[in-house]
Amino acid sequence: MTSLKHFTSNMSFLHLLTLSLLLPTVLSATCTTPKLSSTTPYTTCTPLSSLSAALHYTYHPSNHTLSVAFTATPPSSAGWVAWGINPSGTGMLGGQAFVAYKSPSSSAVTVSTFNLSSYAAISAAPLSFPVYSHSGEFNAADGSFTIYAAVKSDGGKVNHIWQVGPGVTKGVPDKHAINAANLQSKATIDVTTGVAADSGASSSSAVDLGLKKRNVGYFFLCLSLFFVYFCS
């Protein structure tokens, strides 16, 4: 009977230990807002600090690939949304961006790439880093666009930018507004750890608070495992 009791106790401990090891992964993979139509899982989801935008992403260190799903709503139904990376700075100038908008002839979503080398007139151009895939979709329910992309990345801190605008003329985005939200649409994230390095006070606080809550919960779970095993 004693051996059976110890066996049952050990098995319970192993089950709980397995749960504790899986819990951080499950928590980090939880990403429900905004809802994506894609079934691709993303390890991190963060609300961005301006323009009511959000970014889902996963970094794959094995092949140095960053997969993202960026969602935002333009100021008009004929407008555009953009997300990109700035390899050389933290602002818009020098950014390498994906721009999504609806084609006026077919209403299909077009995603073009733009190299923001100057503040003058821009035109579609290849990005300065390898792009493995990109696509876009429009959500008629709330008027938002989502840009899906997979690009080469060495991981670590990435300077990213995002923007929305009112319209598109001959495949080129019209100028966006110069409001505070538009000027603040830039941040730095660590794609390897999933932590926002510099995304504005509200976003950073939300990330820090979430991490603290997760760590506290994980601590109490491990403490419970200790008592279950040694006090049974």
C-alpha atoms as a PDB file:
ATOM      1  CA  MET A   1       0.000   0.000   0.000  1.00  0.00           C
ATOM      2  CA  THR A   2       2.837   2.367   0.872  1.00  0.00           C
ATOM      3  CA  SER A   3       4.587   1.734  -2.443  1.00  0.00           C
ATOM      4  CA  LEU A   4       1.324   2.254  -4.307  1.00  0.00           C
ATOM      5  CA  LYS A   5       0.799   5.541  -2.485  1.00  0.00           C
ATOM      6  CA  HIS A   6       4.293   6.730  -3.392  1.00  0.00           C
ATOM      7  CA  PHE A   7       3.795   5.619  -7.004  1.00  0.00           C
ATOM      8  CA  THR A   8       0.523   7.553  -7.249  1.00  0.00           C
ATOM      9  CA  SER A   9       2.133  10.577  -5.615  1.00  0.00           C
ATOM     10  CA  ASN A  10       5.081  10.447  -7.999  1.00  0.00           C
ATOM     11  CA  MET A  11       2.804  10.171 -11.023  1.00  0.00           C
ATOM     12  CA  SER A  12       0.761  13.157  -9.830  1.00  0.00           C
ATOM     13  CA  PHE A  13       3.949  15.122  -9.372  1.00  0.00           C
ATOM     14  CA  LEU A  14       5.153  14.253 -12.880  1.00  0.00           C
ATOM     15  CA  HIS A  15       1.833  15.333 -14.383  1.00  0.00           C
ATOM     16  CA  LEU A  16       1.938  18.638 -12.518  1.00  0.00           C
ATOM     17  CA  LEU A  17       5.574  19.158 -13.429  1.00  0.00           C
ATOM     18  CA  THR A  18       4.757  18.639 -17.101  1.00  0.00           C
ATOM     19  CA  LEU A  19       1.934  21.174 -16.804  1.00  0.00           C
ATOM     20  CA  SER A  20       4.260  23.703 -15.195  1.00  0.00           C
ATOM     21  CA  LEU A  21       6.790  23.318 -18.001  1.00  0.00           C
ATOM     22  CA  LEU A  22       4.130  23.775 -20.655  1.00  0.00           C
ATOM     23  CA  LEU A  23       2.409  26.709 -18.957  1.00  0.00           C
ATOM     24  CA  PRO A  24       4.890  29.442 -20.011  1.00  0.00           C
ATOM     25  CA  THR A  25       4.591  28.296 -23.629  1.00  0.00           C
ATOM     26  CA  VAL A  26       0.807  28.306 -23.485  1.00  0.00           C
ATOM     27  CA  LEU A  27       0.744  31.756 -21.901  1.00  0.00           C
ATOM     28  CA  SER A  28       3.163  33.221 -24.420  1.00  0.00           C
ATOM     29  CA  ALA A  29       1.137  31.760 -27.290  1.00  0.00           C
ATOM     30  CA  THR A  30      -2.139  33.327 -26.093  1.00  0.00           C
ATOM     31  CA  CYS A  31      -3.020  35.996 -28.630  1.00  0.00           C
ATOM     32  CA  THR A  32      -6.695  36.728 -29.174  1.00  0.00           C
ATOM     33  CA  THR A  33      -6.995  40.401 -30.155  1.00  0.00           C
ATOM     34  CA  PRO A  34      -7.454  41.185 -32.957  1.00  0.00           C
ATOM     35  CA  LYS A  35      -8.831  37.900 -34.258  1.00  0.00           C
ATOM     36  CA  LEU A  36      -6.969  36.661 -37.325  1.00  0.00           C
ATOM     37  CA  SER A  37      -8.438  34.504 -40.071  1.00  0.00           C
ATOM     38  CA  SER A  38      -5.073  32.813 -40.512  1.00  0.00           C
ATOM     39  CA  THR A  39      -4.605  29.567 -38.596  1.00  0.00           C
ATOM     40  CA  THR A  40      -0.879  30.237 -38.233  1.00  0.00           C
ATOM     41  CA  PRO A  41      -0.018  30.443 -34.516  1.00  0.00           C
ATOM     42  CA  TYR A  42       2.020  33.421 -33.323  1.00  0.00           C
ATOM     43  CA  THR A  43       4.013  33.371 -30.101  1.00  0.00           C
ATOM     44  CA  THR A  44       3.587  37.066 -29.317  1.00  0.00           C
ATOM     45  CA  CYS A  45       0.805  39.593 -29.743  1.00  0.00           C
ATOM     46  CA  THR A  46       1.123  43.209 -28.661  1.00  0.00           C
ATOM     47  CA  PRO A  47      -1.170  46.235 -29.010  1.00  0.00           C
ATOM     48  CA  LEU A  48       0.943  49.007 -30.493  1.00  0.00           C
ATOM     49  CA  SER A  49       1.234  52.424 -28.891  1.00  0.00           C
ATOM     50  CA  SER A  50      -0.642  54.409 -31.553  1.00  0.00           C
ATOM     51  CA  LEU A  51      -3.239  54.225 -34.339  1.00  0.00           C
ATOM     52  CA  SER A  52      -5.079  51.356 -32.561  1.00  0.00           C
ATOM     53  CA  ALA A  53      -2.820  48.883 -34.341  1.00  0.00           C
ATOM     54  CA  ALA A  54      -1.658  45.446 -33.225  1.00  0.00           C
ATOM     55  CA  LEU A  55       1.204  43.146 -34.135  1.00  0.00           C
ATOM     56  CA  HIS A  56       1.392  39.360 -33.958  1.00  0.00           C
ATOM     57  CA  TYR A  57       4.812  37.845 -34.559  1.00  0.00           C
ATOM     58  CA  THR A  58       7.024  34.789 -34.199  1.00  0.00           C
ATOM     59  CA  TYR A  59      10.784  34.642 -34.555  1.00  0.00           C
ATOM     60  CA  HIS A  60      12.266  31.386 -35.858  1.00  0.00           C
ATOM     61  CA  PRO A  61      15.950  31.306 -34.820  1.00  0.00           C
ATOM     62  CA  SER A  62      16.595  28.069 -36.705  1.00  0.00           C
ATOM     63  CA  ASN A  63      16.220  29.794 -40.076  1.00  0.00           C
ATOM     64  CA  HIS A  64      16.425  33.483 -39.012  1.00  0.00           C
ATOM     65  CA  THR A  65      12.862  34.224 -40.115  1.00  0.00           C
ATOM     66  CA  LEU A  66      10.460  36.742 -38.595  1.00  0.00           C
ATOM     67  CA  SER A  67       6.778  36.040 -39.322  1.00  0.00           C
ATOM     68  CA  VAL A  68       4.329  38.869 -38.633  1.00  0.00           C
ATOM     69  CA  ALA A  69       0.658  39.746 -38.883  1.00  0.00           C
ATOM     70  CA  PHE A  70       0.019  43.481 -38.565  1.00  0.00           C
ATOM     71  CA  THR A  71      -3.532  44.824 -38.199  1.00  0.00           C
ATOM     72  CA  ALA A  72      -4.755  48.422 -38.408  1.00  0.00           C
ATOM     73  CA  THR A  73      -7.727  50.405 -39.690  1.00  0.00           C
ATOM     74  CA  PRO A  74      -7.265  53.252 -42.214  1.00  0.00           C
ATOM     75  CA  PRO A  75      -9.176  56.533 -41.836  1.00  0.00           C
ATOM     76  CA  SER A  76     -11.345  55.702 -44.872  1.00  0.00           C
ATOM     77  CA  SER A  77     -12.466  52.599 -46.761  1.00  0.00           C
ATOM     78  CA  ALA A  78     -10.225  53.589 -49.683  1.00  0.00           C
ATOM     79  CA  GLY A  79      -7.250  54.070 -47.405  1.00  0.00           C
ATOM     80  CA  TRP A  80      -4.085  52.115 -46.724  1.00  0.00           C
ATOM     81  CA  VAL A  81      -2.150  50.626 -43.834  1.00  0.00           C
ATOM     82  CA  ALA A  82       1.577  49.976 -43.643  1.00  0.00           C
ATOM     83  CA  TRP A  83       4.046  48.090 -41.491  1.00  0.00           C
ATOM     84  CA  GLY A  84       7.782  47.853 -41.895  1.00  0.00           C
ATOM     85  CA  ILE A  85      11.261  47.596 -40.438  1.00  0.00           C
ATOM     86  CA  ASN A  86      13.900  50.306 -40.309  1.00  0.00           C
ATOM     87  CA  PRO A  87      17.322  48.596 -40.419  1.00  0.00           C
ATOM     88  CA  SER A  88      19.237  51.860 -39.950  1.00  0.00           C
ATOM     89  CA  GLY A  89      17.222  54.001 -37.536  1.00  0.00           C
ATOM     90  CA  THR A  90      14.125  54.392 -35.392  1.00  0.00           C
ATOM     91  CA  GLY A  91      11.999  56.690 -37.574  1.00  0.00           C
ATOM     92  CA  MET A  92      10.172  56.498 -40.889  1.00  0.00           C
ATOM     93  CA  LEU A  93      13.097  57.648 -43.031  1.00  0.00           C
ATOM     94  CA  GLY A  94      15.026  54.576 -44.101  1.00  0.00           C
ATOM     95  CA  GLY A  95      12.106  52.274 -43.388  1.00  0.00           C
ATOM     96  CA  GLN A  96      11.336  49.230 -45.499  1.00  0.00           C
ATOM     97  CA  ALA A  97       7.553  48.891 -45.555  1.00  0.00           C
ATOM     98  CA  PHE A  98       4.674  46.724 -46.703  1.00  0.00           C
ATOM     99  CA  VAL A  99       1.605  48.741 -47.744  1.00  0.00           C
ATOM    100  CA  ALA A 100      -1.861  47.166 -48.032  1.00  0.00           C
ATOM    101  CA  TYR A 101      -4.888  48.665 -49.769  1.00  0.00           C
ATOM    102  CA  LYS A 102      -7.896  47.617 -51.832  1.00  0.00           C
ATOM    103  CA  SER A 103      -7.577  47.670 -55.597  1.00  0.00           C
ATOM    104  CA  PRO A 104     -10.120  50.190 -56.971  1.00  0.00           C
ATOM    105  CA  SER A 105     -10.985  47.897 -59.876  1.00  0.00           C
ATOM    106  CA  SER A 106     -11.495  44.577 -58.086  1.00  0.00           C
ATOM    107  CA  SER A 107     -11.547  45.381 -54.342  1.00  0.00           C
ATOM    108  CA  ALA A 108      -8.892  42.700 -53.892  1.00  0.00           C
ATOM    109  CA  VAL A 109      -6.199  43.510 -51.345  1.00  0.00           C
ATOM    110  CA  THR A 110      -2.869  44.548 -52.814  1.00  0.00           C
ATOM    111  CA  VAL A 111       0.321  44.480 -50.749  1.00  0.00           C
ATOM    112  CA  SER A 112       3.254  46.415 -52.210  1.00  0.00           C
ATOM    113  CA  THR A 113       6.731  47.060 -50.838  1.00  0.00           C
ATOM    114  CA  PHE A 114       8.205  50.541 -50.467  1.00  0.00           C
ATOM    115  CA  ASN A 115      11.681  51.750 -49.601  1.00  0.00           C
ATOM    116  CA  LEU A 116      11.222  55.012 -47.684  1.00  0.00           C
ATOM    117  CA  SER A 117      14.530  56.535 -48.691  1.00  0.00           C
ATOM    118  CA  SER A 118      13.246  60.131 -48.657  1.00  0.00           C
ATOM    119  CA  TYR A 119      10.263  62.241 -47.648  1.00  0.00           C
ATOM    120  CA  ALA A 120       9.674  63.163 -51.286  1.00  0.00           C
ATOM    121  CA  ALA A 121       7.484  61.186 -53.683  1.00  0.00           C
ATOM    122  CA  ILE A 122       7.798  57.434 -53.173  1.00  0.00           C
ATOM    123  CA  SER A 123       7.295  54.499 -55.499  1.00  0.00           C
ATOM    124  CA  ALA A 124       7.071  50.753 -55.075  1.00  0.00           C
ATOM    125  CA  ALA A 125      10.492  49.109 -54.743  1.00  0.00           C
ATOM    126  CA  PRO A 126      12.045  45.893 -53.407  1.00  0.00           C
ATOM    127  CA  LEU A 127      13.077  45.883 -49.762  1.00  0.00           C
ATOM    128  CA  SER A 128      16.708  45.828 -48.688  1.00  0.00           C
ATOM    129  CA  PHE A 129      16.354  42.455 -46.933  1.00  0.00           C
ATOM    130  CA  PRO A 130      14.982  39.107 -48.153  1.00  0.00           C
ATOM    131  CA  VAL A 131      11.184  38.772 -48.151  1.00  0.00           C
ATOM    132  CA  TYR A 132       9.953  35.175 -48.148  1.00  0.00           C
ATOM    133  CA  SER A 133       6.232  35.891 -48.399  1.00  0.00           C
ATOM    134  CA  HIS A 134       3.687  38.665 -48.049  1.00  0.00           C
ATOM    135  CA  SER A 135      -0.078  38.961 -48.421  1.00  0.00           C
ATOM    136  CA  GLY A 136      -2.995  40.936 -47.066  1.00  0.00           C
ATOM    137  CA  GLU A 137      -6.664  40.733 -46.199  1.00  0.00           C
ATOM    138  CA  PHE A 138      -9.519  43.135 -45.530  1.00  0.00           C
ATOM    139  CA  ASN A 139     -12.039  42.678 -42.722  1.00  0.00           C
ATOM    140  CA  ALA A 140     -15.336  44.168 -43.874  1.00  0.00           C
ATOM    141  CA  ALA A 141     -16.799  43.908 -40.367  1.00  0.00           C
ATOM    142  CA  ASP A 142     -14.517  46.569 -38.882  1.00  0.00           C
ATOM    143  CA  GLY A 143     -12.736  48.026 -41.926  1.00  0.00           C
ATOM    144  CA  SER A 144      -9.314  46.797 -40.866  1.00  0.00           C
ATOM    145  CA  PHE A 145      -6.482  45.402 -42.957  1.00  0.00           C
ATOM    146  CA  THR A 146      -4.035  42.703 -41.918  1.00  0.00           C
ATOM    147  CA  ILE A 147      -0.613  42.386 -43.512  1.00  0.00           C
ATOM    148  CA  TYR A 148       1.043  38.973 -43.331  1.00  0.00           C
ATOM    149  CA  ALA A 149       4.763  38.782 -44.022  1.00  0.00           C
ATOM    150  CA  ALA A 150       7.810  36.607 -43.450  1.00  0.00           C
ATOM    151  CA  VAL A 151      11.228  38.243 -43.695  1.00  0.00           C
ATOM    152  CA  LYS A 152      14.819  37.446 -42.878  1.00  0.00           C
ATOM    153  CA  SER A 153      15.918  38.711 -39.467  1.00  0.00           C
ATOM    154  CA  ASP A 154      18.920  38.148 -37.231  1.00  0.00           C
ATOM    155  CA  GLY A 155      16.680  38.415 -34.179  1.00  0.00           C
ATOM    156  CA  GLY A 156      17.235  40.652 -31.175  1.00  0.00           C
ATOM    157  CA  LYS A 157      16.002  44.238 -31.246  1.00  0.00           C
ATOM    158  CA  VAL A 158      14.087  45.328 -34.331  1.00  0.00           C
ATOM    159  CA  ASN A 159      13.035  48.906 -35.103  1.00  0.00           C
ATOM    160  CA  HIS A 160       9.581  48.738 -36.644  1.00  0.00           C
ATOM    161  CA  ILE A 161       7.231  51.363 -38.021  1.00  0.00           C
ATOM    162  CA  TRP A 162       3.552  51.454 -38.943  1.00  0.00           C
ATOM    163  CA  GLN A 163       1.163  53.960 -40.492  1.00  0.00           C
ATOM    164  CA  VAL A 164      -2.312  54.514 -41.971  1.00  0.00           C
ATOM    165  CA  GLY A 165      -3.462  56.868 -44.710  1.00  0.00           C
ATOM    166  CA  PRO A 166      -6.622  58.105 -46.449  1.00  0.00           C
ATOM    167  CA  GLY A 167      -6.213  56.871 -50.027  1.00  0.00           C
ATOM    168  CA  VAL A 168      -4.078  55.506 -52.844  1.00  0.00           C
ATOM    169  CA  THR A 169      -3.371  57.176 -56.196  1.00  0.00           C
ATOM    170  CA  LYS A 170      -2.030  55.034 -59.040  1.00  0.00           C
ATOM    171  CA  GLY A 171      -0.607  52.498 -56.625  1.00  0.00           C
ATOM    172  CA  VAL A 172       1.126  55.078 -54.433  1.00  0.00           C
ATOM    173  CA  PRO A 173      -0.134  55.853 -50.894  1.00  0.00           C
ATOM    174  CA  ASP A 174      -1.470  59.373 -50.394  1.00  0.00           C
ATOM    175  CA  LYS A 175       0.114  61.386 -47.596  1.00  0.00           C
ATOM    176  CA  HIS A 176      -0.993  60.457 -44.097  1.00  0.00           C
ATOM    177  CA  ALA A 177      -2.108  62.900 -41.418  1.00  0.00           C
ATOM    178  CA  ILE A 178       0.484  64.631 -39.241  1.00  0.00           C
ATOM    179  CA  ASN A 179      -1.220  64.016 -35.927  1.00  0.00           C
ATOM    180  CA  ALA A 180       0.477  62.886 -32.717  1.00  0.00           C
ATOM    181  CA  ALA A 181      -0.653  59.302 -33.271  1.00  0.00           C
ATOM    182  CA  ASN A 182       0.846  59.273 -36.772  1.00  0.00           C
ATOM    183  CA  LEU A 183       4.135  60.734 -35.586  1.00  0.00           C
ATOM    184  CA  GLN A 184       4.428  58.238 -32.731  1.00  0.00           C
ATOM    185  CA  SER A 185       3.928  55.125 -34.850  1.00  0.00           C
ATOM    186  CA  LYS A 186       7.353  53.617 -34.279  1.00  0.00           C
ATOM    187  CA  ALA A 187       8.870  51.323 -31.663  1.00  0.00           C
ATOM    188  CA  THR A 188      11.629  48.858 -30.898  1.00  0.00           C
ATOM    189  CA  ILE A 189      10.854  45.260 -29.998  1.00  0.00           C
ATOM    190  CA  ASP A 190      13.070  42.338 -29.092  1.00  0.00           C
ATOM    191  CA  VAL A 191      11.699  39.631 -31.358  1.00  0.00           C
ATOM    192  CA  THR A 192      13.777  36.952 -29.647  1.00  0.00           C
ATOM    193  CA  THR A 193      12.340  37.529 -26.171  1.00  0.00           C
ATOM    194  CA  GLY A 194       8.978  38.993 -27.197  1.00  0.00           C
ATOM    195  CA  VAL A 195       9.437  42.113 -25.049  1.00  0.00           C
ATOM    196  CA  ALA A 196       8.684  45.644 -26.238  1.00  0.00           C
ATOM    197  CA  ALA A 197      11.929  47.564 -25.771  1.00  0.00           C
ATOM    198  CA  ASP A 198      10.545  51.027 -26.557  1.00  0.00           C
ATOM    199  CA  SER A 199       6.932  51.304 -27.646  1.00  0.00           C
ATOM    200  CA  GLY A 200       5.531  54.141 -25.574  1.00  0.00           C
ATOM    201  CA  ALA A 201       4.552  54.256 -21.908  1.00  0.00           C
ATOM    202  CA  SER A 202       1.187  52.515 -22.176  1.00  0.00           C
ATOM    203  CA  SER A 203       2.453  49.627 -24.281  1.00  0.00           C
ATOM    204  CA  SER A 204       5.612  49.093 -22.232  1.00  0.00           C
ATOM    205  CA  SER A 205       3.626  49.157 -18.994  1.00  0.00           C
ATOM    206  CA  ALA A 206       1.183  46.620 -20.356  1.00  0.00           C
ATOM    207  CA  VAL A 207       3.965  44.284 -21.406  1.00  0.00           C
ATOM    208  CA  ASP A 208       5.830  44.646 -18.099  1.00  0.00           C
ATOM    209  CA  LEU A 209       2.650  44.107 -16.099  1.00  0.00           C
ATOM    210  CA  GLY A 210       1.780  41.018 -18.125  1.00  0.00           C
ATOM    211  CA  LEU A 211       5.242  39.543 -17.611  1.00  0.00           C
ATOM    212  CA  LYS A 212       5.136  40.242 -13.872  1.00  0.00           C
ATOM    213  CA  LYS A 213       1.725  38.614 -13.514  1.00  0.00           C
ATOM    214  CA  ARG A 214       2.884  35.585 -15.488  1.00  0.00           C
ATOM    215  CA  ASN A 215       6.042  35.228 -13.388  1.00  0.00           C
ATOM    216  CA  VAL A 216       4.106  35.517 -10.118  1.00  0.00           C
ATOM    217  CA  GLY A 217       1.620  32.904 -11.296  1.00  0.00           C
ATOM    218  CA  TYR A 218       4.409  30.586 -12.345  1.00  0.00           C
ATOM    219  CA  PHE A 219       6.117  31.008  -8.935  1.00  0.00           C
ATOM    220  CA  PHE A 220       2.980  30.033  -7.032  1.00  0.00           C
ATOM    221  CA  LEU A 221       2.408  27.045  -9.305  1.00  0.00           C
ATOM    222  CA  CYS A 222       5.929  25.764  -8.602  1.00  0.00           C
ATOM    223  CA  LEU A 223       5.383  26.368  -4.876  1.00  0.00           C
ATOM    224  CA  SER A 224       2.182  24.329  -5.025  1.00  0.00           C
ATOM    225  CA  LEU A 225       4.031  21.499  -6.746  1.00  0.00           C
ATOM    226  CA  PHE A 226       6.575  21.492  -3.927  1.00  0.00           C
ATOM    227  CA  PHE A 227       3.891  21.051  -1.262  1.00  0.00           C
ATOM    228  CA  VAL A 228       1.975  18.440  -3.266  1.00  0.00           C
ATOM    229  CA  TYR A 229       5.067  16.307  -3.637  1.00  0.00           C
ATOM    230  CA  PHE A 230       6.755  16.662  -0.257  1.00  0.00           C
ATOM    231  CA  CYS A 231       3.684  16.887   1.934  1.00  0.00           C
ATOM    232  CA  SER A 232       1.686  14.007   0.443  1.00  0.00           C
END
